Amino acid sequence: MKRTIIRDPNVVDRWIEAAGPITLDSETTGLHPFAGDRMIGVPMHSPKLEESIYVPLRHEWFGDLLSGAFENAPLDRALEVFRDRLPSLRCAYWNAPFDVNMLSRDVIETRSVRDVLLHARIVTAGEYSKSYHLKSFAADLGAKIDDSDKLD
């Protein structure tokens, strides 16, 4: 599977246009969007393209540690692309209420929301008593989440 960091909003726009239905996550500064936590990046995956991308938005580097490792996408233009594209895109999330709230903090509207966590809870109702943390749940199903940091 190809993984790429994309900083150019025009490339993100073309990727979303070609992607078909996607999975989307929000990387954030914390868990409380209405207490000031913000989205710092957007990872997305397209099964159709067999590709995952990451759009860095608000990463801050401290001191020399990773300074200049990569730059953020131009925030205003990147958010404009998400505002234009996401309302018409079919997106799947793990814990959609959290991600949708984070997106809404940047005035990004979503309409076609699929919450895979909700589906997992319904399908396993009464049979599963462990954590619904994504990596734990996947491991219990025999799947492995490849979270290596290999990027193209």
N, C-alpha and C. Protein backbone atom coordinates (compact mmCIF):
# COMPACT_ATOMS: atom_id res chain seq x y z
N MET A 1 0.84 -1.17 0.00
CA MET A 1 0.00 0.00 0.00
C MET A 1 0.89 1.24 0.00
N LYS A 2 0.55 2.16 -0.81
CA LYS A 2 1.31 3.40 -0.92
C LYS A 2 0.83 4.38 0.16
N ARG A 3 1.80 5.05 0.82
CA ARG A 3 1.51 6.07 1.82
C ARG A 3 2.31 7.32 1.49
N THR A 4 1.63 8.46 1.54
CA THR A 4 2.29 9.69 1.13
C THR A 4 1.84 10.85 2.01
N ILE A 5 2.78 11.72 2.35
CA ILE A 5 2.43 13.00 2.98
C ILE A 5 2.22 13.99 1.85
N ILE A 6 1.08 14.65 1.86
CA ILE A 6 0.77 15.62 0.80
C ILE A 6 0.57 16.99 1.45
N ARG A 7 1.37 17.94 0.99
CA ARG A 7 1.29 19.31 1.51
C ARG A 7 0.61 20.26 0.52
N ASP A 8 0.54 19.86 -0.72
CA ASP A 8 -0.02 20.72 -1.77
C ASP A 8 -1.54 20.52 -1.83
N PRO A 9 -2.31 21.55 -1.46
CA PRO A 9 -3.77 21.42 -1.46
C PRO A 9 -4.35 21.05 -2.82
N ASN A 10 -3.70 21.45 -3.92
CA ASN A 10 -4.20 21.08 -5.25
C ASN A 10 -4.06 19.59 -5.49
N VAL A 11 -2.99 19.00 -4.98
CA VAL A 11 -2.80 17.55 -5.10
C VAL A 11 -3.83 16.83 -4.22
N VAL A 12 -4.07 17.35 -3.01
CA VAL A 12 -5.10 16.78 -2.13
C VAL A 12 -6.45 16.82 -2.83
N ASP A 13 -6.77 17.92 -3.47
CA ASP A 13 -8.04 18.08 -4.18
C ASP A 13 -8.19 17.03 -5.27
N ARG A 14 -7.15 16.84 -6.08
CA ARG A 14 -7.21 15.83 -7.14
C ARG A 14 -7.30 14.42 -6.57
N TRP A 15 -6.58 14.16 -5.45
CA TRP A 15 -6.63 12.84 -4.82
C TRP A 15 -8.04 12.54 -4.34
N ILE A 16 -8.66 13.50 -3.66
CA ILE A 16 -10.03 13.30 -3.15
C ILE A 16 -10.99 13.06 -4.31
N GLU A 17 -10.81 13.81 -5.40
CA GLU A 17 -11.68 13.66 -6.57
C GLU A 17 -11.61 12.24 -7.14
N ALA A 18 -10.42 11.66 -7.13
CA ALA A 18 -10.22 10.33 -7.70
C ALA A 18 -10.48 9.20 -6.71
N ALA A 19 -10.56 9.53 -5.42
CA ALA A 19 -10.51 8.51 -4.37
C ALA A 19 -11.74 7.63 -4.23
N GLY A 20 -12.91 8.12 -4.58
CA GLY A 20 -14.12 7.36 -4.26
C GLY A 20 -14.35 7.40 -2.76
N PRO A 21 -15.13 6.46 -2.21
CA PRO A 21 -15.35 6.43 -0.76
C PRO A 21 -14.01 6.27 -0.03
N ILE A 22 -13.88 6.96 1.10
CA ILE A 22 -12.62 6.93 1.85
C ILE A 22 -12.86 6.66 3.32
N THR A 23 -11.79 6.32 4.01
CA THR A 23 -11.78 6.37 5.47
C THR A 23 -11.03 7.64 5.84
N LEU A 24 -11.47 8.29 6.89
CA LEU A 24 -10.88 9.55 7.30
C LEU A 24 -10.74 9.57 8.81
N ASP A 25 -9.66 10.14 9.27
CA ASP A 25 -9.40 10.27 10.70
C ASP A 25 -8.98 11.71 10.95
N SER A 26 -8.95 12.09 12.20
CA SER A 26 -8.41 13.42 12.53
C SER A 26 -7.36 13.24 13.60
N GLU A 27 -6.17 13.71 13.30
CA GLU A 27 -5.11 13.76 14.31
C GLU A 27 -5.25 15.10 15.01
N THR A 28 -5.22 15.09 16.34
CA THR A 28 -5.60 16.29 17.08
C THR A 28 -4.62 16.60 18.21
N THR A 29 -4.79 17.79 18.80
CA THR A 29 -3.98 18.18 19.95
C THR A 29 -4.54 17.60 21.25
N GLY A 30 -5.73 17.03 21.21
CA GLY A 30 -6.34 16.46 22.40
C GLY A 30 -7.73 15.92 22.10
N LEU A 31 -8.47 15.61 23.14
CA LEU A 31 -9.77 14.95 22.99
C LEU A 31 -10.98 15.86 23.17
N HIS A 32 -10.76 17.16 23.31
CA HIS A 32 -11.86 18.06 23.66
C HIS A 32 -11.97 19.21 22.65
N PRO A 33 -12.66 18.97 21.52
CA PRO A 33 -12.73 19.99 20.48
C PRO A 33 -13.41 21.29 20.94
N PHE A 34 -14.33 21.20 21.87
CA PHE A 34 -15.02 22.41 22.30
C PHE A 34 -14.33 23.08 23.47
N ALA A 35 -13.17 22.54 23.87
CA ALA A 35 -12.35 23.18 24.90
C ALA A 35 -11.05 23.70 24.30
N GLY A 36 -11.00 23.76 22.97
CA GLY A 36 -9.85 24.36 22.31
C GLY A 36 -8.92 23.41 21.59
N ASP A 37 -9.09 22.10 21.74
CA ASP A 37 -8.24 21.17 21.00
C ASP A 37 -8.58 21.28 19.51
N ARG A 38 -7.56 21.12 18.67
CA ARG A 38 -7.73 21.33 17.24
C ARG A 38 -7.16 20.16 16.45
N MET A 39 -7.59 20.10 15.22
CA MET A 39 -7.09 19.12 14.29
C MET A 39 -5.71 19.57 13.81
N ILE A 40 -4.72 18.66 13.85
CA ILE A 40 -3.38 19.01 13.38
C ILE A 40 -3.03 18.30 12.07
N GLY A 41 -3.80 17.30 11.69
CA GLY A 41 -3.55 16.60 10.45
C GLY A 41 -4.71 15.68 10.10
N VAL A 42 -4.78 15.33 8.82
CA VAL A 42 -5.88 14.49 8.34
C VAL A 42 -5.32 13.30 7.56
N PRO A 43 -5.38 12.09 8.15
CA PRO A 43 -5.03 10.89 7.39
C PRO A 43 -6.29 10.37 6.67
N MET A 44 -6.10 9.96 5.43
CA MET A 44 -7.21 9.41 4.65
C MET A 44 -6.71 8.18 3.90
N HIS A 45 -7.63 7.26 3.64
CA HIS A 45 -7.29 6.06 2.86
C HIS A 45 -8.35 5.84 1.81
N SER A 46 -7.92 5.50 0.61
CA SER A 46 -8.82 5.17 -0.49
C SER A 46 -8.59 3.72 -0.90
N PRO A 47 -9.58 2.84 -0.63
CA PRO A 47 -9.44 1.46 -1.13
C PRO A 47 -9.34 1.41 -2.66
N LYS A 48 -10.07 2.29 -3.32
CA LYS A 48 -10.05 2.33 -4.78
C LYS A 48 -8.64 2.61 -5.31
N LEU A 49 -7.96 3.57 -4.71
CA LEU A 49 -6.60 3.93 -5.14
C LEU A 49 -5.52 3.08 -4.48
N GLU A 50 -5.92 2.29 -3.46
CA GLU A 50 -4.98 1.52 -2.66
C GLU A 50 -3.85 2.42 -2.15
N GLU A 51 -4.28 3.56 -1.59
CA GLU A 51 -3.31 4.56 -1.15
C GLU A 51 -3.84 5.28 0.10
N SER A 52 -2.91 5.58 0.99
CA SER A 52 -3.20 6.40 2.16
C SER A 52 -2.39 7.68 2.05
N ILE A 53 -3.02 8.78 2.45
CA ILE A 53 -2.29 10.04 2.46
C ILE A 53 -2.44 10.69 3.83
N TYR A 54 -1.52 11.58 4.13
CA TYR A 54 -1.59 12.37 5.35
C TYR A 54 -1.38 13.83 4.98
N VAL A 55 -2.30 14.69 5.44
CA VAL A 55 -2.22 16.12 5.18
C VAL A 55 -1.91 16.81 6.50
N PRO A 56 -0.66 17.25 6.70
CA PRO A 56 -0.31 17.95 7.95
C PRO A 56 -0.84 19.39 7.90
N LEU A 57 -1.53 19.80 8.97
CA LEU A 57 -2.13 21.12 8.99
C LEU A 57 -1.53 22.07 10.02
N ARG A 58 -1.36 21.59 11.24
CA ARG A 58 -0.94 22.48 12.33
C ARG A 58 0.15 21.87 13.20
N HIS A 59 1.03 21.10 12.61
CA HIS A 59 2.11 20.52 13.41
C HIS A 59 3.06 21.61 13.85
N GLU A 60 3.46 21.54 15.10
CA GLU A 60 4.45 22.48 15.65
C GLU A 60 5.62 21.67 16.16
N TRP A 61 6.82 22.10 15.81
CA TRP A 61 8.03 21.42 16.24
C TRP A 61 8.72 22.28 17.27
N PHE A 62 9.25 21.65 18.29
CA PHE A 62 9.88 22.37 19.39
C PHE A 62 11.38 22.19 19.34
N GLY A 63 12.11 23.30 19.38
CA GLY A 63 13.57 23.24 19.35
C GLY A 63 14.06 22.65 18.04
N ASP A 64 15.13 21.91 18.10
CA ASP A 64 15.70 21.30 16.90
C ASP A 64 15.11 19.93 16.60
N LEU A 65 14.34 19.39 17.56
CA LEU A 65 13.76 18.07 17.38
C LEU A 65 12.80 18.08 16.19
N LEU A 66 13.17 17.39 15.14
CA LEU A 66 12.38 17.26 13.92
C LEU A 66 12.13 18.58 13.22
N SER A 67 12.79 19.66 13.64
CA SER A 67 12.59 20.95 13.00
C SER A 67 12.88 20.83 11.51
N GLY A 68 11.93 21.23 10.71
CA GLY A 68 12.09 21.16 9.27
C GLY A 68 11.89 19.78 8.70
N ALA A 69 11.49 18.81 9.53
CA ALA A 69 11.29 17.44 9.04
C ALA A 69 10.26 17.42 7.91
N PHE A 70 9.21 18.11 8.09
CA PHE A 70 8.26 18.38 7.01
C PHE A 70 7.43 19.59 7.40
N GLU A 71 6.94 20.25 6.41
CA GLU A 71 6.15 21.45 6.66
C GLU A 71 4.67 21.12 6.57
N ASN A 72 3.88 22.00 7.15
CA ASN A 72 2.43 21.86 7.05
C ASN A 72 1.95 22.31 5.68
N ALA A 73 0.78 21.81 5.30
CA ALA A 73 0.12 22.32 4.10
C ALA A 73 -0.34 23.74 4.39
N PRO A 74 -0.46 24.59 3.37
CA PRO A 74 -1.02 25.93 3.60
C PRO A 74 -2.43 25.79 4.17
N LEU A 75 -2.59 26.22 5.42
CA LEU A 75 -3.80 25.91 6.19
C LEU A 75 -5.08 26.39 5.51
N ASP A 76 -5.16 27.65 5.13
CA ASP A 76 -6.41 28.18 4.58
C ASP A 76 -6.82 27.45 3.32
N ARG A 77 -5.88 27.20 2.43
CA ARG A 77 -6.21 26.52 1.17
C ARG A 77 -6.56 25.05 1.41
N ALA A 78 -5.84 24.39 2.32
CA ALA A 78 -6.15 22.99 2.62
C ALA A 78 -7.56 22.87 3.21
N LEU A 79 -7.89 23.75 4.14
CA LEU A 79 -9.23 23.71 4.73
C LEU A 79 -10.30 24.01 3.68
N GLU A 80 -9.99 24.89 2.74
CA GLU A 80 -10.92 25.19 1.65
C GLU A 80 -11.21 23.93 0.83
N VAL A 81 -10.17 23.15 0.54
CA VAL A 81 -10.34 21.91 -0.22
C VAL A 81 -11.25 20.96 0.57
N PHE A 82 -10.99 20.79 1.86
CA PHE A 82 -11.84 19.91 2.67
C PHE A 82 -13.27 20.42 2.73
N ARG A 83 -13.45 21.72 2.87
CA ARG A 83 -14.81 22.29 2.91
C ARG A 83 -15.56 22.06 1.61
N ASP A 84 -14.84 22.14 0.49
CA ASP A 84 -15.47 21.94 -0.83
C ASP A 84 -15.77 20.47 -1.11
N ARG A 85 -14.86 19.57 -0.73
CA ARG A 85 -14.95 18.17 -1.15
C ARG A 85 -15.69 17.24 -0.18
N LEU A 86 -15.47 17.41 1.12
CA LEU A 86 -15.99 16.42 2.08
C LEU A 86 -17.52 16.31 2.12
N PRO A 87 -18.28 17.42 1.95
CA PRO A 87 -19.74 17.24 2.04
C PRO A 87 -20.32 16.26 1.03
N SER A 88 -19.69 16.10 -0.12
CA SER A 88 -20.23 15.19 -1.14
C SER A 88 -19.54 13.84 -1.17
N LEU A 89 -18.61 13.62 -0.25
CA LEU A 89 -17.81 12.39 -0.26
C LEU A 89 -18.34 11.39 0.76
N ARG A 90 -18.36 10.12 0.39
CA ARG A 90 -18.71 9.06 1.35
C ARG A 90 -17.49 8.77 2.21
N CYS A 91 -17.62 8.97 3.53
CA CYS A 91 -16.50 8.78 4.45
C CYS A 91 -16.87 7.80 5.55
N ALA A 92 -15.93 6.94 5.87
CA ALA A 92 -16.07 6.03 7.01
C ALA A 92 -15.10 6.49 8.10
N TYR A 93 -15.56 6.44 9.34
CA TYR A 93 -14.77 6.88 10.49
C TYR A 93 -14.81 5.79 11.55
N TRP A 94 -13.82 5.78 12.43
CA TRP A 94 -13.86 4.97 13.65
C TRP A 94 -14.11 5.98 14.76
N ASN A 95 -15.32 6.00 15.30
CA ASN A 95 -15.77 6.99 16.29
C ASN A 95 -16.07 8.31 15.58
N ALA A 96 -17.04 8.27 14.70
CA ALA A 96 -17.42 9.42 13.88
C ALA A 96 -17.76 10.67 14.67
N PRO A 97 -18.48 10.58 15.80
CA PRO A 97 -18.81 11.83 16.50
C PRO A 97 -17.57 12.67 16.85
N PHE A 98 -16.50 12.02 17.26
CA PHE A 98 -15.28 12.76 17.59
C PHE A 98 -14.71 13.45 16.35
N ASP A 99 -14.53 12.69 15.27
CA ASP A 99 -13.92 13.27 14.06
C ASP A 99 -14.81 14.35 13.45
N VAL A 100 -16.11 14.12 13.42
CA VAL A 100 -17.03 15.12 12.87
C VAL A 100 -16.99 16.40 13.71
N ASN A 101 -16.91 16.27 15.03
CA ASN A 101 -16.78 17.46 15.88
C ASN A 101 -15.47 18.19 15.60
N MET A 102 -14.38 17.45 15.43
CA MET A 102 -13.11 18.09 15.12
C MET A 102 -13.17 18.80 13.77
N LEU A 103 -13.75 18.16 12.78
CA LEU A 103 -13.91 18.81 11.48
C LEU A 103 -14.77 20.06 11.58
N SER A 104 -15.82 20.00 12.38
CA SER A 104 -16.72 21.15 12.51
C SER A 104 -16.03 22.36 13.15
N ARG A 105 -15.00 22.13 13.97
CA ARG A 105 -14.24 23.24 14.56
C ARG A 105 -13.58 24.09 13.48
N ASP A 106 -13.32 23.48 12.32
CA ASP A 106 -12.75 24.22 11.20
C ASP A 106 -13.80 24.47 10.12
N VAL A 107 -15.06 24.41 10.52
CA VAL A 107 -16.20 24.68 9.64
C VAL A 107 -16.17 23.78 8.40
N ILE A 108 -15.87 22.52 8.63
CA ILE A 108 -15.89 21.52 7.56
C ILE A 108 -17.11 20.64 7.80
N GLU A 109 -18.02 20.66 6.83
CA GLU A 109 -19.27 19.92 6.94
C GLU A 109 -19.12 18.52 6.35
N THR A 110 -19.73 17.56 7.01
CA THR A 110 -19.76 16.20 6.48
C THR A 110 -21.21 15.77 6.38
N ARG A 111 -21.54 15.04 5.33
CA ARG A 111 -22.93 14.61 5.16
C ARG A 111 -23.06 13.10 5.12
N SER A 112 -22.17 12.43 4.42
CA SER A 112 -22.26 10.98 4.27
C SER A 112 -21.28 10.32 5.24
N VAL A 113 -21.78 10.06 6.46
CA VAL A 113 -20.93 9.56 7.54
C VAL A 113 -21.26 8.10 7.82
N ARG A 114 -20.23 7.27 7.83
CA ARG A 114 -20.35 5.88 8.22
C ARG A 114 -19.47 5.68 9.44
N ASP A 115 -20.05 5.27 10.56
CA ASP A 115 -19.26 5.07 11.78
C ASP A 115 -19.02 3.58 11.96
N VAL A 116 -17.79 3.15 11.66
CA VAL A 116 -17.44 1.74 11.74
C VAL A 116 -17.47 1.26 13.19
N LEU A 117 -17.13 2.12 14.14
CA LEU A 117 -17.19 1.76 15.56
C LEU A 117 -18.63 1.41 15.96
N LEU A 118 -19.58 2.20 15.52
CA LEU A 118 -20.99 1.92 15.82
C LEU A 118 -21.40 0.57 15.23
N HIS A 119 -21.00 0.33 14.00
CA HIS A 119 -21.30 -0.97 13.37
C HIS A 119 -20.68 -2.11 14.17
N ALA A 120 -19.44 -1.94 14.63
CA ALA A 120 -18.77 -2.98 15.41
C ALA A 120 -19.52 -3.26 16.70
N ARG A 121 -19.99 -2.22 17.35
CA ARG A 121 -20.73 -2.40 18.60
C ARG A 121 -22.05 -3.12 18.38
N ILE A 122 -22.71 -2.82 17.27
CA ILE A 122 -23.98 -3.48 16.97
C ILE A 122 -23.75 -4.95 16.64
N VAL A 123 -22.78 -5.22 15.78
CA VAL A 123 -22.51 -6.59 15.34
C VAL A 123 -22.05 -7.47 16.49
N THR A 124 -21.32 -6.92 17.44
CA THR A 124 -20.77 -7.72 18.53
C THR A 124 -21.54 -7.56 19.83
N ALA A 125 -22.71 -6.98 19.78
CA ALA A 125 -23.49 -6.74 20.99
C ALA A 125 -23.68 -8.04 21.79
N GLY A 126 -23.31 -7.98 23.05
CA GLY A 126 -23.45 -9.12 23.93
C GLY A 126 -22.37 -10.17 23.79
N GLU A 127 -21.51 -10.05 22.79
CA GLU A 127 -20.47 -11.06 22.56
C GLU A 127 -19.08 -10.54 22.87
N TYR A 128 -18.91 -9.26 22.94
CA TYR A 128 -17.57 -8.68 23.03
C TYR A 128 -17.52 -7.76 24.24
N SER A 129 -16.59 -8.01 25.13
CA SER A 129 -16.52 -7.20 26.34
C SER A 129 -15.19 -6.48 26.50
N LYS A 130 -14.33 -6.58 25.49
CA LYS A 130 -13.03 -5.93 25.57
C LYS A 130 -13.10 -4.50 25.03
N SER A 131 -11.95 -3.88 24.93
CA SER A 131 -11.85 -2.50 24.45
C SER A 131 -12.25 -2.38 22.98
N TYR A 132 -12.88 -1.29 22.67
CA TYR A 132 -13.17 -0.97 21.28
C TYR A 132 -12.12 -0.03 20.71
N HIS A 133 -10.96 0.06 21.37
CA HIS A 133 -9.83 0.80 20.80
C HIS A 133 -9.51 0.11 19.48
N LEU A 134 -9.31 0.87 18.43
CA LEU A 134 -9.20 0.30 17.09
C LEU A 134 -8.15 -0.80 16.98
N LYS A 135 -6.94 -0.56 17.50
CA LYS A 135 -5.88 -1.58 17.37
C LYS A 135 -6.23 -2.84 18.15
N SER A 136 -6.79 -2.69 19.35
CA SER A 136 -7.17 -3.86 20.16
C SER A 136 -8.28 -4.65 19.48
N PHE A 137 -9.28 -3.95 18.99
CA PHE A 137 -10.41 -4.60 18.34
C PHE A 137 -9.95 -5.35 17.10
N ALA A 138 -9.11 -4.71 16.29
CA ALA A 138 -8.60 -5.36 15.08
C ALA A 138 -7.79 -6.61 15.44
N ALA A 139 -6.96 -6.50 16.46
CA ALA A 139 -6.13 -7.64 16.88
C ALA A 139 -7.01 -8.80 17.33
N ASP A 140 -8.09 -8.51 18.05
CA ASP A 140 -8.99 -9.56 18.51
C ASP A 140 -9.70 -10.25 17.34
N LEU A 141 -9.83 -9.55 16.23
CA LEU A 141 -10.43 -10.13 15.03
C LEU A 141 -9.40 -10.84 14.16
N GLY A 142 -8.14 -10.78 14.59
CA GLY A 142 -7.09 -11.42 13.83
C GLY A 142 -6.48 -10.53 12.76
N ALA A 143 -6.86 -9.26 12.74
CA ALA A 143 -6.31 -8.33 11.76
C ALA A 143 -5.16 -7.57 12.37
N LYS A 144 -4.28 -7.09 11.54
CA LYS A 144 -3.16 -6.30 12.03
C LYS A 144 -3.22 -4.93 11.38
N ILE A 145 -3.12 -3.90 12.20
CA ILE A 145 -3.05 -2.55 11.67
C ILE A 145 -1.59 -2.22 11.45
N ASP A 146 -1.26 -1.91 10.24
CA ASP A 146 0.12 -1.56 9.91
C ASP A 146 0.31 -0.09 10.20
N ASP A 147 0.89 0.21 11.33
CA ASP A 147 1.11 1.60 11.71
C ASP A 147 2.58 1.98 11.62
N SER A 148 3.28 1.29 10.74
CA SER A 148 4.69 1.63 10.54
C SER A 148 4.78 3.02 9.95
N ASP A 149 5.92 3.61 10.06
CA ASP A 149 6.07 4.99 9.60
C ASP A 149 6.73 5.05 8.23
N LYS A 150 6.50 4.05 7.41
CA LYS A 150 7.08 4.05 6.07
C LYS A 150 6.19 4.88 5.15
N LEU A 151 6.76 5.94 4.63
CA LEU A 151 6.03 6.81 3.71
C LEU A 151 6.76 6.84 2.39
N ASP A 152 5.99 6.95 1.31
CA ASP A 152 6.59 7.09 -0.03
C ASP A 152 6.91 8.55 -0.28
